[in-house]
Amino acid sequence: GVAVIKSGAATEVELKERKHRIEDAVRNARAASEEGLVAGGGVALIQAAEKALASLELVGDEATGVNIVRLAVVSPLKQIAENAGLEGGVVADRVAGMAAGHGLNAATGEYGDLMAEGISDPVKVTRSALQNAASIAGMFLTTEAVVADKPEPPAPAGGADDGGMGGMY
């Protein structure tokens, strides 16, 4: 089928933003039609990892690798929760114990069935992201050196404003 989407905006910047959002939605719809949908917001990754990794009894480097994967799959949900003003770790722990497909609706701050609420991600996009992350992790493991940016220390907190003439007590 063919569809025509018309969109308008008050400014050119807003129009470009809307155009990019529409293009992204079209790509996601195509991906969803190819491979289906999973619960969105990082919930599918956490819940799949819980089931897939729970029964593994590994030691040494293999156990370290599994722990790295566990940390990596909770990152999207933690970031979404923190962007919504919630504690990411608490949200991730709660979602990990919920029924499949249930998680945090960041727009409302409530937990529920994400698929029923229309919060979903295309399987193809989620799978591709996981495959690409695994590929990069494998490259890091087989490379003897890595060049990375040194993280900057956090800026010191600013002093309180005296509100008037400084130094007058």
C-alpha atoms as a PDB file:
ATOM      1  CA  GLY A   1       0.000   0.000   0.000  1.00  0.00           C
ATOM      2  CA  VAL A   2       0.857   3.614  -0.373  1.00  0.00           C
ATOM      3  CA  ALA A   3       0.312   6.372   2.154  1.00  0.00           C
ATOM      4  CA  VAL A   4       0.820  10.108   1.946  1.00  0.00           C
ATOM      5  CA  ILE A   5       1.714  11.882   5.170  1.00  0.00           C
ATOM      6  CA  LYS A   6       1.342  15.643   5.206  1.00  0.00           C
ATOM      7  CA  SER A   7       2.874  17.660   8.012  1.00  0.00           C
ATOM      8  CA  GLY A   8       3.253  21.343   8.701  1.00  0.00           C
ATOM      9  CA  ALA A   9       5.098  23.450  11.235  1.00  0.00           C
ATOM     10  CA  ALA A  10       5.579  27.043  12.312  1.00  0.00           C
ATOM     11  CA  THR A  11       9.339  27.101  11.672  1.00  0.00           C
ATOM     12  CA  GLU A  12      11.742  25.313   9.366  1.00  0.00           C
ATOM     13  CA  VAL A  13      13.589  23.760  12.315  1.00  0.00           C
ATOM     14  CA  GLU A  14      10.331  22.344  13.665  1.00  0.00           C
ATOM     15  CA  LEU A  15       9.418  21.073  10.188  1.00  0.00           C
ATOM     16  CA  LYS A  16      12.757  19.244   9.838  1.00  0.00           C
ATOM     17  CA  GLU A  17      12.297  17.703  13.291  1.00  0.00           C
ATOM     18  CA  ARG A  18       8.822  16.467  12.346  1.00  0.00           C
ATOM     19  CA  LYS A  19      10.124  15.119   9.042  1.00  0.00           C
ATOM     20  CA  HIS A  20      12.832  13.127  10.841  1.00  0.00           C
ATOM     21  CA  ARG A  21      10.289  11.767  13.342  1.00  0.00           C
ATOM     22  CA  ILE A  22       7.960  10.686  10.532  1.00  0.00           C
ATOM     23  CA  GLU A  23      10.812   9.031   8.609  1.00  0.00           C
ATOM     24  CA  ASP A  24      11.865   7.217  11.798  1.00  0.00           C
ATOM     25  CA  ALA A  25       8.290   6.043  12.379  1.00  0.00           C
ATOM     26  CA  VAL A  26       8.047   4.741   8.800  1.00  0.00           C
ATOM     27  CA  ARG A  27      11.334   2.819   9.161  1.00  0.00           C
ATOM     28  CA  ASN A  28      10.139   1.341  12.468  1.00  0.00           C
ATOM     29  CA  ALA A  29       6.811   0.333  10.922  1.00  0.00           C
ATOM     30  CA  ARG A  30       8.622  -1.454   8.089  1.00  0.00           C
ATOM     31  CA  ALA A  31      10.938  -3.207  10.553  1.00  0.00           C
ATOM     32  CA  ALA A  32       7.965  -4.236  12.703  1.00  0.00           C
ATOM     33  CA  SER A  33       6.130  -5.665   9.704  1.00  0.00           C
ATOM     34  CA  GLU A  34       9.182  -7.810   8.892  1.00  0.00           C
ATOM     35  CA  GLU A  35       9.908  -9.343  12.307  1.00  0.00           C
ATOM     36  CA  GLY A  36       7.214  -8.193  14.738  1.00  0.00           C
ATOM     37  CA  LEU A  37       7.193  -6.198  17.969  1.00  0.00           C
ATOM     38  CA  VAL A  38       8.434  -6.604  21.544  1.00  0.00           C
ATOM     39  CA  ALA A  39       7.685  -4.564  24.650  1.00  0.00           C
ATOM     40  CA  GLY A  40       9.513  -1.249  24.393  1.00  0.00           C
ATOM     41  CA  GLY A  41      11.578   0.875  26.703  1.00  0.00           C
ATOM     42  CA  GLY A  42      14.350  -1.688  27.148  1.00  0.00           C
ATOM     43  CA  VAL A  43      11.990  -4.089  28.926  1.00  0.00           C
ATOM     44  CA  ALA A  44      12.365  -6.886  26.355  1.00  0.00           C
ATOM     45  CA  LEU A  45      16.155  -6.859  26.724  1.00  0.00           C
ATOM     46  CA  ILE A  46      16.074  -7.109  30.514  1.00  0.00           C
ATOM     47  CA  GLN A  47      13.426  -9.801  30.631  1.00  0.00           C
ATOM     48  CA  ALA A  48      15.055 -11.873  27.877  1.00  0.00           C
ATOM     49  CA  ALA A  49      18.439 -11.643  29.607  1.00  0.00           C
ATOM     50  CA  GLU A  50      16.902 -12.738  32.925  1.00  0.00           C
ATOM     51  CA  LYS A  51      15.556 -15.914  31.322  1.00  0.00           C
ATOM     52  CA  ALA A  52      18.554 -16.631  29.100  1.00  0.00           C
ATOM     53  CA  LEU A  53      21.291 -15.996  31.657  1.00  0.00           C
ATOM     54  CA  ALA A  54      19.648 -17.182  34.895  1.00  0.00           C
ATOM     55  CA  SER A  55      20.491 -20.871  34.492  1.00  0.00           C
ATOM     56  CA  LEU A  56      24.110 -20.383  33.418  1.00  0.00           C
ATOM     57  CA  GLU A  57      26.735 -21.565  35.898  1.00  0.00           C
ATOM     58  CA  LEU A  58      29.952 -19.992  34.681  1.00  0.00           C
ATOM     59  CA  VAL A  59      33.263 -19.099  36.318  1.00  0.00           C
ATOM     60  CA  GLY A  60      36.189 -16.860  35.500  1.00  0.00           C
ATOM     61  CA  ASP A  61      36.189 -14.834  32.315  1.00  0.00           C
ATOM     62  CA  GLU A  62      32.924 -16.358  31.119  1.00  0.00           C
ATOM     63  CA  ALA A  63      31.147 -15.218  34.298  1.00  0.00           C
ATOM     64  CA  THR A  64      32.667 -11.764  33.844  1.00  0.00           C
ATOM     65  CA  GLY A  65      31.349 -11.658  30.284  1.00  0.00           C
ATOM     66  CA  VAL A  66      27.836 -12.602  31.407  1.00  0.00           C
ATOM     67  CA  ASN A  67      27.925  -9.892  34.090  1.00  0.00           C
ATOM     68  CA  ILE A  68      28.945  -7.342  31.457  1.00  0.00           C
ATOM     69  CA  VAL A  69      25.990  -8.406  29.292  1.00  0.00           C
ATOM     70  CA  ARG A  70      23.656  -8.112  32.304  1.00  0.00           C
ATOM     71  CA  LEU A  71      24.891  -4.565  32.948  1.00  0.00           C
ATOM     72  CA  ALA A  72      24.611  -3.632  29.274  1.00  0.00           C
ATOM     73  CA  VAL A  73      21.025  -4.789  28.768  1.00  0.00           C
ATOM     74  CA  VAL A  74      19.710  -2.721  31.702  1.00  0.00           C
ATOM     75  CA  SER A  75      21.313   0.500  30.444  1.00  0.00           C
ATOM     76  CA  PRO A  76      18.506   1.579  28.066  1.00  0.00           C
ATOM     77  CA  LEU A  77      15.803   1.186  30.733  1.00  0.00           C
ATOM     78  CA  LYS A  78      17.945   2.900  33.374  1.00  0.00           C
ATOM     79  CA  GLN A  79      18.500   5.875  31.071  1.00  0.00           C
ATOM     80  CA  ILE A  80      14.805   6.132  30.217  1.00  0.00           C
ATOM     81  CA  ALA A  81      13.919   6.023  33.930  1.00  0.00           C
ATOM     82  CA  GLU A  82      16.514   8.664  34.820  1.00  0.00           C
ATOM     83  CA  ASN A  83      15.279  10.904  32.000  1.00  0.00           C
ATOM     84  CA  ALA A  84      11.814  10.590  33.572  1.00  0.00           C
ATOM     85  CA  GLY A  85      13.218  11.679  36.951  1.00  0.00           C
ATOM     86  CA  LEU A  86      13.218   8.199  38.508  1.00  0.00           C
ATOM     87  CA  GLU A  87      16.016   6.089  39.991  1.00  0.00           C
ATOM     88  CA  GLY A  88      17.212   3.853  37.142  1.00  0.00           C
ATOM     89  CA  GLY A  89      18.541   0.988  39.253  1.00  0.00           C
ATOM     90  CA  VAL A  90      15.342   0.707  41.284  1.00  0.00           C
ATOM     91  CA  VAL A  91      13.205   0.695  38.132  1.00  0.00           C
ATOM     92  CA  ALA A  92      15.418  -1.933  36.447  1.00  0.00           C
ATOM     93  CA  ASP A  93      15.238  -4.244  39.478  1.00  0.00           C
ATOM     94  CA  ARG A  94      11.464  -3.921  39.646  1.00  0.00           C
ATOM     95  CA  VAL A  95      10.978  -4.537  35.912  1.00  0.00           C
ATOM     96  CA  ALA A  96      13.266  -7.593  35.962  1.00  0.00           C
ATOM     97  CA  GLY A  97      10.829  -9.311  38.314  1.00  0.00           C
ATOM     98  CA  MET A  98       7.663  -8.408  36.414  1.00  0.00           C
ATOM     99  CA  ALA A  99       5.672 -10.552  33.998  1.00  0.00           C
ATOM    100  CA  ALA A 100       6.852 -10.630  30.379  1.00  0.00           C
ATOM    101  CA  GLY A 101       5.963  -7.450  28.517  1.00  0.00           C
ATOM    102  CA  HIS A 102       5.260  -5.468  31.683  1.00  0.00           C
ATOM    103  CA  GLY A 103       7.409  -2.497  32.616  1.00  0.00           C
ATOM    104  CA  LEU A 104       7.611   1.240  33.188  1.00  0.00           C
ATOM    105  CA  ASN A 105       5.597   3.713  31.143  1.00  0.00           C
ATOM    106  CA  ALA A 106       8.001   6.656  31.479  1.00  0.00           C
ATOM    107  CA  ALA A 107       5.388   9.134  30.249  1.00  0.00           C
ATOM    108  CA  THR A 108       3.071   8.387  33.177  1.00  0.00           C
ATOM    109  CA  GLY A 109       5.529   6.947  35.713  1.00  0.00           C
ATOM    110  CA  GLU A 110       3.293   3.897  36.120  1.00  0.00           C
ATOM    111  CA  TYR A 111       4.027   0.210  35.611  1.00  0.00           C
ATOM    112  CA  GLY A 112       1.870  -1.961  33.386  1.00  0.00           C
ATOM    113  CA  ASP A 113       1.512  -4.004  30.203  1.00  0.00           C
ATOM    114  CA  LEU A 114       3.555  -1.994  27.718  1.00  0.00           C
ATOM    115  CA  MET A 115       2.210  -3.735  24.622  1.00  0.00           C
ATOM    116  CA  ALA A 116      -1.364  -2.924  25.679  1.00  0.00           C
ATOM    117  CA  GLU A 117      -0.297   0.698  26.224  1.00  0.00           C
ATOM    118  CA  GLY A 118       1.250   0.884  22.750  1.00  0.00           C
ATOM    119  CA  ILE A 119       4.854   1.048  23.966  1.00  0.00           C
ATOM    120  CA  SER A 120       6.781  -1.288  21.692  1.00  0.00           C
ATOM    121  CA  ASP A 121       9.977  -1.661  19.711  1.00  0.00           C
ATOM    122  CA  PRO A 122      10.471  -3.522  16.436  1.00  0.00           C
ATOM    123  CA  VAL A 123      12.177  -6.892  16.983  1.00  0.00           C
ATOM    124  CA  LYS A 124      14.495  -6.170  14.057  1.00  0.00           C
ATOM    125  CA  VAL A 125      15.774  -2.941  15.649  1.00  0.00           C
ATOM    126  CA  THR A 126      16.253  -4.550  19.077  1.00  0.00           C
ATOM    127  CA  ARG A 127      17.987  -7.603  17.596  1.00  0.00           C
ATOM    128  CA  SER A 128      20.265  -5.479  15.408  1.00  0.00           C
ATOM    129  CA  ALA A 129      21.282  -3.306  18.356  1.00  0.00           C
ATOM    130  CA  LEU A 130      22.120  -6.393  20.415  1.00  0.00           C
ATOM    131  CA  GLN A 131      24.076  -7.988  17.553  1.00  0.00           C
ATOM    132  CA  ASN A 132      26.051  -4.791  16.927  1.00  0.00           C
ATOM    133  CA  ALA A 133      26.844  -4.419  20.630  1.00  0.00           C
ATOM    134  CA  ALA A 134      28.045  -8.028  20.777  1.00  0.00           C
ATOM    135  CA  SER A 135      30.196  -7.467  17.699  1.00  0.00           C
ATOM    136  CA  ILE A 136      31.842  -4.407  19.229  1.00  0.00           C
ATOM    137  CA  ALA A 137      32.359  -6.219  22.536  1.00  0.00           C
ATOM    138  CA  GLY A 138      34.026  -9.084  20.667  1.00  0.00           C
ATOM    139  CA  MET A 139      36.297  -6.629  18.896  1.00  0.00           C
ATOM    140  CA  PHE A 140      37.324  -5.090  22.235  1.00  0.00           C
ATOM    141  CA  LEU A 141      38.069  -8.536  23.657  1.00  0.00           C
ATOM    142  CA  THR A 142      40.329  -9.474  20.745  1.00  0.00           C
ATOM    143  CA  THR A 143      42.102  -6.111  20.488  1.00  0.00           C
ATOM    144  CA  GLU A 144      45.213  -5.589  22.588  1.00  0.00           C
ATOM    145  CA  ALA A 145      44.864  -1.814  22.824  1.00  0.00           C
ATOM    146  CA  VAL A 146      42.000   0.656  22.852  1.00  0.00           C
ATOM    147  CA  VAL A 147      42.117   4.423  22.329  1.00  0.00           C
ATOM    148  CA  ALA A 148      39.399   6.248  24.241  1.00  0.00           C
ATOM    149  CA  ASP A 149      38.632   9.745  25.476  1.00  0.00           C
ATOM    150  CA  LYS A 150      39.627  10.383  29.063  1.00  0.00           C
ATOM    151  CA  PRO A 151      36.488  11.244  31.037  1.00  0.00           C
ATOM    152  CA  GLU A 152      36.448  14.763  32.406  1.00  0.00           C
ATOM    153  CA  PRO A 153      36.057  15.150  36.170  1.00  0.00           C
ATOM    154  CA  PRO A 154      32.719  16.591  37.279  1.00  0.00           C
ATOM    155  CA  ALA A 155      32.669  20.378  37.568  1.00  0.00           C
ATOM    156  CA  PRO A 156      32.700  21.707  41.142  1.00  0.00           C
ATOM    157  CA  ALA A 157      29.412  22.988  42.485  1.00  0.00           C
ATOM    158  CA  GLY A 158      28.944  26.742  42.307  1.00  0.00           C
ATOM    159  CA  GLY A 159      28.928  28.824  45.474  1.00  0.00           C
ATOM    160  CA  ALA A 160      25.806  30.355  46.913  1.00  0.00           C
ATOM    161  CA  ASP A 161      24.865  33.837  45.738  1.00  0.00           C
ATOM    162  CA  ASP A 162      24.998  36.319  48.613  1.00  0.00           C
ATOM    163  CA  GLY A 163      22.253  38.308  46.968  1.00  0.00           C
ATOM    164  CA  GLY A 164      23.786  41.669  47.663  1.00  0.00           C
ATOM    165  CA  MET A 165      27.190  43.091  48.325  1.00  0.00           C
ATOM    166  CA  GLY A 166      29.554  40.157  48.648  1.00  0.00           C
ATOM    167  CA  GLY A 167      31.686  39.987  51.791  1.00  0.00           C
ATOM    168  CA  MET A 168      29.322  42.133  53.882  1.00  0.00           C
ATOM    169  CA  TYR A 169      28.356  40.347  57.094  1.00  0.00           C
END
